[in-house]
Amino acid sequence: MRKKKAKRREVKLENRFSNPALSRFINYLMKDGKKLVAQKIGLSSLGKYRKEAEN
């Protein structure tokens, strides 16, 4: 007999932008629980992308 399907958990909005898609992206980047490192990498890449998009 199979168990019940696992419920989908809500993503906590821990970053300064309060964007669930950005939180999921940072969680995807995270390795070995290093969330601060993942935030720095993700936000710096977004900053570079914004500068290129403006030009």
C-alpha atoms as a PDB file:
ATOM      1  CA  MET A   1       0.000   0.000   0.000  1.00  0.00           C
ATOM      2  CA  ARG A   2       1.335   3.424  -0.953  1.00  0.00           C
ATOM      3  CA  LYS A   3       1.589   6.364   1.375  1.00  0.00           C
ATOM      4  CA  LYS A   4      -0.080   9.706   0.808  1.00  0.00           C
ATOM      5  CA  LYS A   5       1.484  12.160  -1.600  1.00  0.00           C
ATOM      6  CA  ALA A   6       3.725  14.697   0.154  1.00  0.00           C
ATOM      7  CA  LYS A   7       2.249  18.172   0.518  1.00  0.00           C
ATOM      8  CA  ARG A   8       4.019  20.998  -1.261  1.00  0.00           C
ATOM      9  CA  ARG A   9       5.711  23.333   1.203  1.00  0.00           C
ATOM     10  CA  GLU A  10       5.578  27.100   0.946  1.00  0.00           C
ATOM     11  CA  VAL A  11       8.839  28.883   0.203  1.00  0.00           C
ATOM     12  CA  LYS A  12       9.918  31.268   2.955  1.00  0.00           C
ATOM     13  CA  LEU A  13      10.609  34.780   1.725  1.00  0.00           C
ATOM     14  CA  GLU A  14      13.906  35.503   3.461  1.00  0.00           C
ATOM     15  CA  ASN A  15      15.469  37.874   0.984  1.00  0.00           C
ATOM     16  CA  ARG A  16      15.121  41.595   0.622  1.00  0.00           C
ATOM     17  CA  PHE A  17      12.992  41.442  -2.532  1.00  0.00           C
ATOM     18  CA  SER A  18      10.179  39.210  -1.108  1.00  0.00           C
ATOM     19  CA  ASN A  19       9.836  37.424  -4.409  1.00  0.00           C
ATOM     20  CA  PRO A  20       8.976  33.702  -4.242  1.00  0.00           C
ATOM     21  CA  ALA A  21      10.626  32.977  -7.607  1.00  0.00           C
ATOM     22  CA  LEU A  22      13.857  34.596  -6.417  1.00  0.00           C
ATOM     23  CA  SER A  23      13.721  32.614  -3.154  1.00  0.00           C
ATOM     24  CA  ARG A  24      13.337  29.368  -5.097  1.00  0.00           C
ATOM     25  CA  PHE A  25      16.251  30.353  -7.344  1.00  0.00           C
ATOM     26  CA  ILE A  26      18.477  31.038  -4.328  1.00  0.00           C
ATOM     27  CA  ASN A  27      17.452  27.728  -2.756  1.00  0.00           C
ATOM     28  CA  TYR A  28      18.320  26.016  -6.040  1.00  0.00           C
ATOM     29  CA  LEU A  29      21.783  27.608  -6.027  1.00  0.00           C
ATOM     30  CA  MET A  30      22.453  26.654  -2.409  1.00  0.00           C
ATOM     31  CA  LYS A  31      25.039  23.938  -1.758  1.00  0.00           C
ATOM     32  CA  ASP A  32      25.581  22.264   1.623  1.00  0.00           C
ATOM     33  CA  GLY A  33      23.274  24.726   3.404  1.00  0.00           C
ATOM     34  CA  LYS A  34      25.316  27.805   2.459  1.00  0.00           C
ATOM     35  CA  LYS A  35      22.398  30.163   1.903  1.00  0.00           C
ATOM     36  CA  LEU A  36      24.355  33.395   2.384  1.00  0.00           C
ATOM     37  CA  VAL A  37      26.839  32.397  -0.311  1.00  0.00           C
ATOM     38  CA  ALA A  38      23.970  31.495  -2.653  1.00  0.00           C
ATOM     39  CA  GLN A  39      22.313  34.862  -1.989  1.00  0.00           C
ATOM     40  CA  LYS A  40      25.511  36.730  -2.811  1.00  0.00           C
ATOM     41  CA  ILE A  41      25.974  34.791  -6.049  1.00  0.00           C
ATOM     42  CA  GLY A  42      22.336  35.118  -7.109  1.00  0.00           C
ATOM     43  CA  LEU A  43      21.944  38.800  -6.298  1.00  0.00           C
ATOM     44  CA  SER A  44      25.266  39.760  -7.866  1.00  0.00           C
ATOM     45  CA  SER A  45      24.313  37.937 -11.071  1.00  0.00           C
ATOM     46  CA  LEU A  46      20.964  39.751 -11.121  1.00  0.00           C
ATOM     47  CA  GLY A  47      22.757  43.062 -10.634  1.00  0.00           C
ATOM     48  CA  LYS A  48      25.022  42.334 -13.612  1.00  0.00           C
ATOM     49  CA  TYR A  49      21.994  41.336 -15.676  1.00  0.00           C
ATOM     50  CA  ARG A  50      20.182  44.584 -14.816  1.00  0.00           C
ATOM     51  CA  LYS A  51      23.192  46.686 -15.827  1.00  0.00           C
ATOM     52  CA  GLU A  52      23.399  44.896 -19.186  1.00  0.00           C
ATOM     53  CA  ALA A  53      19.640  45.208 -19.732  1.00  0.00           C
ATOM     54  CA  GLU A  54      19.742  48.969 -19.141  1.00  0.00           C
ATOM     55  CA  ASN A  55      22.417  49.504 -21.800  1.00  0.00           C
END
